[in-house]
Amino acid sequence: MPAEILFTFISDLIDPATCQKGNAMAKSHYSFKKRQKELAQKKKKEEKRQRKLEKKAVETDETEKDPIPSAEDL
């Protein structure tokens, strides 16, 4: 058996994706893309949470400065 044929056969057994025959398909980076999408969603959610906390803090500061007069004060 010639060495070239043997080498091709062994390399196909080791990693079929790198087949020398030219019919190998490129692998998708699905897990990478999925992780990037999850991280983007997590970042967006955290930013939204921070905006809500800031808005709530501003509202509480305003209510402390200008308390609504109660009926007893009148």
PDB file of N, CA and C in Angstrom:
ATOM      1  N   MET A   1       0.844  -1.172   0.000  1.00  0.00           N
ATOM      2  CA  MET A   1       0.000   0.000   0.000  1.00  0.00           C
ATOM      3  C   MET A   1       0.895   1.243   0.000  1.00  0.00           C
ATOM      4  N   PRO A   2       0.695   2.161  -0.940  1.00  0.00           N
ATOM      5  CA  PRO A   2       1.506   3.379  -0.972  1.00  0.00           C
ATOM      6  C   PRO A   2       1.234   4.248   0.266  1.00  0.00           C
ATOM      7  N   ALA A   3       2.230   5.000   0.649  1.00  0.00           N
ATOM      8  CA  ALA A   3       2.138   5.819   1.857  1.00  0.00           C
ATOM      9  C   ALA A   3       1.074   6.904   1.736  1.00  0.00           C
ATOM     10  N   GLU A   4       0.882   7.472   0.532  1.00  0.00           N
ATOM     11  CA  GLU A   4      -0.115   8.531   0.359  1.00  0.00           C
ATOM     12  C   GLU A   4      -1.516   8.016   0.620  1.00  0.00           C
ATOM     13  N   ILE A   5      -1.837   6.858   0.138  1.00  0.00           N
ATOM     14  CA  ILE A   5      -3.161   6.268   0.348  1.00  0.00           C
ATOM     15  C   ILE A   5      -3.347   5.943   1.821  1.00  0.00           C
ATOM     16  N   LEU A   6      -2.352   5.375   2.423  1.00  0.00           N
ATOM     17  CA  LEU A   6      -2.425   5.031   3.837  1.00  0.00           C
ATOM     18  C   LEU A   6      -2.594   6.289   4.693  1.00  0.00           C
ATOM     19  N   PHE A   7      -1.828   7.334   4.387  1.00  0.00           N
ATOM     20  CA  PHE A   7      -1.925   8.581   5.147  1.00  0.00           C
ATOM     21  C   PHE A   7      -3.315   9.192   5.017  1.00  0.00           C
ATOM     22  N   THR A   8      -3.877   9.210   3.822  1.00  0.00           N
ATOM     23  CA  THR A   8      -5.221   9.758   3.596  1.00  0.00           C
ATOM     24  C   THR A   8      -6.249   8.968   4.372  1.00  0.00           C
ATOM     25  N   PHE A   9      -6.133   7.664   4.369  1.00  0.00           N
ATOM     26  CA  PHE A   9      -7.061   6.799   5.073  1.00  0.00           C
ATOM     27  C   PHE A   9      -6.982   7.045   6.584  1.00  0.00           C
ATOM     28  N   ILE A  10      -5.792   7.137   7.117  1.00  0.00           N
ATOM     29  CA  ILE A  10      -5.617   7.352   8.555  1.00  0.00           C
ATOM     30  C   ILE A  10      -6.110   8.743   8.953  1.00  0.00           C
ATOM     31  N   SER A  11      -5.822   9.763   8.157  1.00  0.00           N
ATOM     32  CA  SER A  11      -6.274  11.108   8.502  1.00  0.00           C
ATOM     33  C   SER A  11      -7.801  11.196   8.464  1.00  0.00           C
ATOM     34  N   ASP A  12      -8.459  10.455   7.574  1.00  0.00           N
ATOM     35  CA  ASP A  12      -9.920  10.427   7.546  1.00  0.00           C
ATOM     36  C   ASP A  12     -10.477   9.790   8.805  1.00  0.00           C
ATOM     37  N   LEU A  13      -9.807   8.792   9.312  1.00  0.00           N
ATOM     38  CA  LEU A  13     -10.255   8.141  10.534  1.00  0.00           C
ATOM     39  C   LEU A  13     -10.063   9.058  11.743  1.00  0.00           C
ATOM     40  N   ILE A  14      -8.992   9.805  11.754  1.00  0.00           N
ATOM     41  CA  ILE A  14      -8.701  10.685  12.882  1.00  0.00           C
ATOM     42  C   ILE A  14      -9.658  11.869  12.907  1.00  0.00           C
ATOM     43  N   ASP A  15      -9.803  12.569  11.812  1.00  0.00           N
ATOM     44  CA  ASP A  15     -10.668  13.752  11.743  1.00  0.00           C
ATOM     45  C   ASP A  15     -11.365  13.805  10.391  1.00  0.00           C
ATOM     46  N   PRO A  16     -12.590  13.280  10.307  1.00  0.00           N
ATOM     47  CA  PRO A  16     -13.299  13.264   9.019  1.00  0.00           C
ATOM     48  C   PRO A  16     -13.586  14.652   8.465  1.00  0.00           C
ATOM     49  N   ALA A  17     -13.611  15.693   9.296  1.00  0.00           N
ATOM     50  CA  ALA A  17     -13.901  17.044   8.811  1.00  0.00           C
ATOM     51  C   ALA A  17     -12.760  17.583   7.954  1.00  0.00           C
ATOM     52  N   THR A  18     -11.562  17.039   8.104  1.00  0.00           N
ATOM     53  CA  THR A  18     -10.430  17.503   7.309  1.00  0.00           C
ATOM     54  C   THR A  18     -10.110  16.519   6.193  1.00  0.00           C
ATOM     55  N   CYS A  19     -11.102  15.889   5.711  1.00  0.00           N
ATOM     56  CA  CYS A  19     -10.950  14.901   4.640  1.00  0.00           C
ATOM     57  C   CYS A  19     -10.265  15.542   3.429  1.00  0.00           C
ATOM     58  N   GLN A  20      -9.382  14.825   2.803  1.00  0.00           N
ATOM     59  CA  GLN A  20      -8.630  15.334   1.651  1.00  0.00           C
ATOM     60  C   GLN A  20      -9.461  15.294   0.367  1.00  0.00           C
ATOM     61  N   LYS A  21     -10.644  14.777   0.426  1.00  0.00           N
ATOM     62  CA  LYS A  21     -11.452  14.601  -0.775  1.00  0.00           C
ATOM     63  C   LYS A  21     -12.164  15.881  -1.200  1.00  0.00           C
ATOM     64  N   GLY A  22     -12.185  16.896  -0.385  1.00  0.00           N
ATOM     65  CA  GLY A  22     -12.784  18.167  -0.774  1.00  0.00           C
ATOM     66  C   GLY A  22     -14.263  18.285  -0.495  1.00  0.00           C
ATOM     67  N   ASN A  23     -14.882  17.334   0.161  1.00  0.00           N
ATOM     68  CA  ASN A  23     -16.314  17.412   0.431  1.00  0.00           C
ATOM     69  C   ASN A  23     -16.595  17.708   1.901  1.00  0.00           C
ATOM     70  N   ALA A  24     -15.619  18.206   2.612  1.00  0.00           N
ATOM     71  CA  ALA A  24     -15.812  18.541   4.017  1.00  0.00           C
ATOM     72  C   ALA A  24     -16.570  19.860   4.126  1.00  0.00           C
ATOM     73  N   MET A  25     -17.474  19.912   5.093  1.00  0.00           N
ATOM     74  CA  MET A  25     -18.257  21.127   5.311  1.00  0.00           C
ATOM     75  C   MET A  25     -17.636  21.925   6.449  1.00  0.00           C
ATOM     76  N   ALA A  26     -17.767  23.220   6.374  1.00  0.00           N
ATOM     77  CA  ALA A  26     -17.269  24.088   7.439  1.00  0.00           C
ATOM     78  C   ALA A  26     -18.146  23.926   8.672  1.00  0.00           C
ATOM     79  N   LYS A  27     -17.535  23.966   9.814  1.00  0.00           N
ATOM     80  CA  LYS A  27     -18.281  23.832  11.063  1.00  0.00           C
ATOM     81  C   LYS A  27     -18.881  25.183  11.446  1.00  0.00           C
ATOM     82  N   SER A  28     -20.072  25.128  11.980  1.00  0.00           N
ATOM     83  CA  SER A  28     -20.749  26.336  12.410  1.00  0.00           C
ATOM     84  C   SER A  28     -20.269  26.715  13.809  1.00  0.00           C
ATOM     85  N   HIS A  29     -20.258  28.003  14.069  1.00  0.00           N
ATOM     86  CA  HIS A  29     -19.910  28.500  15.395  1.00  0.00           C
ATOM     87  C   HIS A  29     -21.189  28.806  16.160  1.00  0.00           C
ATOM     88  N   TYR A  30     -22.134  27.870  16.130  1.00  0.00           N
ATOM     89  CA  TYR A  30     -23.438  28.084  16.748  1.00  0.00           C
ATOM     90  C   TYR A  30     -23.308  28.372  18.236  1.00  0.00           C
ATOM     91  N   SER A  31     -22.510  27.584  18.941  1.00  0.00           N
ATOM     92  CA  SER A  31     -22.405  27.777  20.388  1.00  0.00           C
ATOM     93  C   SER A  31     -21.779  29.134  20.709  1.00  0.00           C
ATOM     94  N   PHE A  32     -20.810  29.571  19.920  1.00  0.00           N
ATOM     95  CA  PHE A  32     -20.198  30.886  20.127  1.00  0.00           C
ATOM     96  C   PHE A  32     -21.222  31.992  19.897  1.00  0.00           C
ATOM     97  N   LYS A  33     -21.957  31.889  18.794  1.00  0.00           N
ATOM     98  CA  LYS A  33     -22.967  32.900  18.481  1.00  0.00           C
ATOM     99  C   LYS A  33     -24.048  32.932  19.557  1.00  0.00           C
ATOM    100  N   LYS A  34     -24.441  31.765  20.015  1.00  0.00           N
ATOM    101  CA  LYS A  34     -25.473  31.684  21.043  1.00  0.00           C
ATOM    102  C   LYS A  34     -24.998  32.342  22.328  1.00  0.00           C
ATOM    103  N   ARG A  35     -23.775  32.090  22.728  1.00  0.00           N
ATOM    104  CA  ARG A  35     -23.211  32.675  23.945  1.00  0.00           C
ATOM    105  C   ARG A  35     -23.114  34.199  23.819  1.00  0.00           C
ATOM    106  N   GLN A  36     -22.697  34.685  22.646  1.00  0.00           N
ATOM    107  CA  GLN A  36     -22.608  36.119  22.432  1.00  0.00           C
ATOM    108  C   GLN A  36     -23.986  36.770  22.522  1.00  0.00           C
ATOM    109  N   LYS A  37     -24.997  36.101  21.988  1.00  0.00           N
ATOM    110  CA  LYS A  37     -26.358  36.619  22.044  1.00  0.00           C
ATOM    111  C   LYS A  37     -26.852  36.661  23.490  1.00  0.00           C
ATOM    112  N   GLU A  38     -26.564  35.606  24.258  1.00  0.00           N
ATOM    113  CA  GLU A  38     -26.960  35.566  25.663  1.00  0.00           C
ATOM    114  C   GLU A  38     -26.281  36.684  26.450  1.00  0.00           C
ATOM    115  N   LEU A  39     -25.001  36.916  26.189  1.00  0.00           N
ATOM    116  CA  LEU A  39     -24.278  37.975  26.890  1.00  0.00           C
ATOM    117  C   LEU A  39     -24.845  39.348  26.548  1.00  0.00           C
ATOM    118  N   ALA A  40     -25.214  39.545  25.288  1.00  0.00           N
ATOM    119  CA  ALA A  40     -25.796  40.825  24.869  1.00  0.00           C
ATOM    120  C   ALA A  40     -27.139  41.047  25.567  1.00  0.00           C
ATOM    121  N   GLN A  41     -27.945  40.002  25.666  1.00  0.00           N
ATOM    122  CA  GLN A  41     -29.236  40.122  26.330  1.00  0.00           C
ATOM    123  C   GLN A  41     -29.051  40.413  27.817  1.00  0.00           C
ATOM    124  N   LYS A  42     -28.077  39.745  28.423  1.00  0.00           N
ATOM    125  CA  LYS A  42     -27.803  39.950  29.841  1.00  0.00           C
ATOM    126  C   LYS A  42     -27.344  41.381  30.096  1.00  0.00           C
ATOM    127  N   LYS A  43     -26.490  41.907  29.223  1.00  0.00           N
ATOM    128  CA  LYS A  43     -25.992  43.274  29.356  1.00  0.00           C
ATOM    129  C   LYS A  43     -27.145  44.276  29.220  1.00  0.00           C
ATOM    130  N   LYS A  44     -28.009  44.051  28.245  1.00  0.00           N
ATOM    131  CA  LYS A  44     -29.142  44.937  28.017  1.00  0.00           C
ATOM    132  C   LYS A  44     -30.082  44.929  29.224  1.00  0.00           C
ATOM    133  N   LYS A  45     -30.304  43.755  29.783  1.00  0.00           N
ATOM    134  CA  LYS A  45     -31.183  43.625  30.946  1.00  0.00           C
ATOM    135  C   LYS A  45     -30.582  44.346  32.157  1.00  0.00           C
ATOM    136  N   GLU A  46     -29.268  44.227  32.345  1.00  0.00           N
ATOM    137  CA  GLU A  46     -28.596  44.895  33.453  1.00  0.00           C
ATOM    138  C   GLU A  46     -28.660  46.415  33.297  1.00  0.00           C
ATOM    139  N   GLU A  47     -28.480  46.919  32.079  1.00  0.00           N
ATOM    140  CA  GLU A  47     -28.578  48.359  31.827  1.00  0.00           C
ATOM    141  C   GLU A  47     -29.984  48.864  32.130  1.00  0.00           C
ATOM    142  N   LYS A  48     -30.978  48.096  31.754  1.00  0.00           N
ATOM    143  CA  LYS A  48     -32.364  48.474  32.013  1.00  0.00           C
ATOM    144  C   LYS A  48     -32.626  48.507  33.519  1.00  0.00           C
ATOM    145  N   ARG A  49     -32.084  47.538  34.253  1.00  0.00           N
ATOM    146  CA  ARG A  49     -32.253  47.494  35.698  1.00  0.00           C
ATOM    147  C   ARG A  49     -31.601  48.723  36.351  1.00  0.00           C
ATOM    148  N   GLN A  50     -30.413  49.092  35.859  1.00  0.00           N
ATOM    149  CA  GLN A  50     -29.727  50.265  36.399  1.00  0.00           C
ATOM    150  C   GLN A  50     -30.521  51.544  36.144  1.00  0.00           C
ATOM    151  N   ARG A  51     -31.092  51.672  34.937  1.00  0.00           N
ATOM    152  CA  ARG A  51     -31.903  52.854  34.623  1.00  0.00           C
ATOM    153  C   ARG A  51     -33.102  52.955  35.568  1.00  0.00           C
ATOM    154  N   LYS A  52     -33.744  51.809  35.831  1.00  0.00           N
ATOM    155  CA  LYS A  52     -34.897  51.811  36.729  1.00  0.00           C
ATOM    156  C   LYS A  52     -34.489  52.213  38.145  1.00  0.00           C
ATOM    157  N   LEU A  53     -33.350  51.702  38.606  1.00  0.00           N
ATOM    158  CA  LEU A  53     -32.882  52.061  39.945  1.00  0.00           C
ATOM    159  C   LEU A  53     -32.570  53.552  40.039  1.00  0.00           C
ATOM    160  N   GLU A  54     -31.930  54.110  39.011  1.00  0.00           N
ATOM    161  CA  GLU A  54     -31.621  55.540  38.998  1.00  0.00           C
ATOM    162  C   GLU A  54     -32.895  56.371  38.996  1.00  0.00           C
ATOM    163  N   LYS A  55     -33.874  55.951  38.209  1.00  0.00           N
ATOM    164  CA  LYS A  55     -35.141  56.676  38.134  1.00  0.00           C
ATOM    165  C   LYS A  55     -35.846  56.634  39.490  1.00  0.00           C
ATOM    166  N   LYS A  56     -35.807  55.479  40.123  1.00  0.00           N
ATOM    167  CA  LYS A  56     -36.440  55.330  41.430  1.00  0.00           C
ATOM    168  C   LYS A  56     -35.726  56.184  42.477  1.00  0.00           C
ATOM    169  N   ALA A  57     -34.406  56.249  42.411  1.00  0.00           N
ATOM    170  CA  ALA A  57     -33.637  57.056  43.354  1.00  0.00           C
ATOM    171  C   ALA A  57     -33.948  58.536  43.175  1.00  0.00           C
ATOM    172  N   VAL A  58     -34.089  58.988  41.951  1.00  0.00           N
ATOM    173  CA  VAL A  58     -34.415  60.391  41.675  1.00  0.00           C
ATOM    174  C   VAL A  58     -35.808  60.709  42.209  1.00  0.00           C
ATOM    175  N   GLU A  59     -36.745  59.817  42.026  1.00  0.00           N
ATOM    176  CA  GLU A  59     -38.112  60.037  42.501  1.00  0.00           C
ATOM    177  C   GLU A  59     -38.154  60.109  44.020  1.00  0.00           C
ATOM    178  N   THR A  60     -37.408  59.237  44.701  1.00  0.00           N
ATOM    179  CA  THR A  60     -37.412  59.264  46.163  1.00  0.00           C
ATOM    180  C   THR A  60     -36.739  60.524  46.687  1.00  0.00           C
ATOM    181  N   ASP A  61     -35.701  61.021  46.007  1.00  0.00           N
ATOM    182  CA  ASP A  61     -35.054  62.268  46.410  1.00  0.00           C
ATOM    183  C   ASP A  61     -36.013  63.445  46.287  1.00  0.00           C
ATOM    184  N   GLU A  62     -36.783  63.467  45.224  1.00  0.00           N
ATOM    185  CA  GLU A  62     -37.738  64.556  45.007  1.00  0.00           C
ATOM    186  C   GLU A  62     -38.846  64.532  46.062  1.00  0.00           C
ATOM    187  N   THR A  63     -39.315  63.361  46.421  1.00  0.00           N
ATOM    188  CA  THR A  63     -40.381  63.267  47.411  1.00  0.00           C
ATOM    189  C   THR A  63     -39.871  63.649  48.796  1.00  0.00           C
ATOM    190  N   GLU A  64     -38.607  63.400  49.086  1.00  0.00           N
ATOM    191  CA  GLU A  64     -38.041  63.812  50.371  1.00  0.00           C
ATOM    192  C   GLU A  64     -37.891  65.325  50.440  1.00  0.00           C
ATOM    193  N   LYS A  65     -37.574  65.975  49.327  1.00  0.00           N
ATOM    194  CA  LYS A  65     -37.405  67.426  49.290  1.00  0.00           C
ATOM    195  C   LYS A  65     -38.749  68.145  49.389  1.00  0.00           C
ATOM    196  N   ASP A  66     -39.742  67.646  48.672  1.00  0.00           N
ATOM    197  CA  ASP A  66     -41.065  68.261  48.648  1.00  0.00           C
ATOM    198  C   ASP A  66     -42.104  67.288  49.182  1.00  0.00           C
ATOM    199  N   PRO A  67     -42.172  67.137  50.490  1.00  0.00           N
ATOM    200  CA  PRO A  67     -43.196  66.218  50.998  1.00  0.00           C
ATOM    201  C   PRO A  67     -44.590  66.807  50.780  1.00  0.00           C
ATOM    202  N   ILE A  68     -45.511  65.970  50.503  1.00  0.00           N
ATOM    203  CA  ILE A  68     -46.886  66.390  50.280  1.00  0.00           C
ATOM    204  C   ILE A  68     -47.490  66.735  51.647  1.00  0.00           C
ATOM    205  N   PRO A  69     -48.035  67.938  51.798  1.00  0.00           N
ATOM    206  CA  PRO A  69     -48.601  68.303  53.094  1.00  0.00           C
ATOM    207  C   PRO A  69     -49.814  67.430  53.420  1.00  0.00           C
ATOM    208  N   SER A  70     -49.853  66.939  54.636  1.00  0.00           N
ATOM    209  CA  SER A  70     -50.977  66.107  55.040  1.00  0.00           C
ATOM    210  C   SER A  70     -52.115  66.983  55.555  1.00  0.00           C
ATOM    211  N   ALA A  71     -53.243  66.408  55.803  1.00  0.00           N
ATOM    212  CA  ALA A  71     -54.422  67.143  56.282  1.00  0.00           C
ATOM    213  C   ALA A  71     -54.191  67.691  57.680  1.00  0.00           C
ATOM    214  N   GLU A  72     -53.354  67.036  58.457  1.00  0.00           N
ATOM    215  CA  GLU A  72     -53.083  67.481  59.817  1.00  0.00           C
ATOM    216  C   GLU A  72     -52.307  68.791  59.836  1.00  0.00           C
ATOM    217  N   ASP A  73     -51.456  69.035  58.831  1.00  0.00           N
ATOM    218  CA  ASP A  73     -50.659  70.240  58.778  1.00  0.00           C
ATOM    219  C   ASP A  73     -51.485  71.487  58.439  1.00  0.00           C
ATOM    220  N   LEU A  74     -52.624  71.283  57.819  1.00  0.00           N
ATOM    221  CA  LEU A  74     -53.432  72.422  57.407  1.00  0.00           C
ATOM    222  C   LEU A  74     -54.177  72.938  58.537  1.00  0.00           C
TER     223      LEU A  74
END
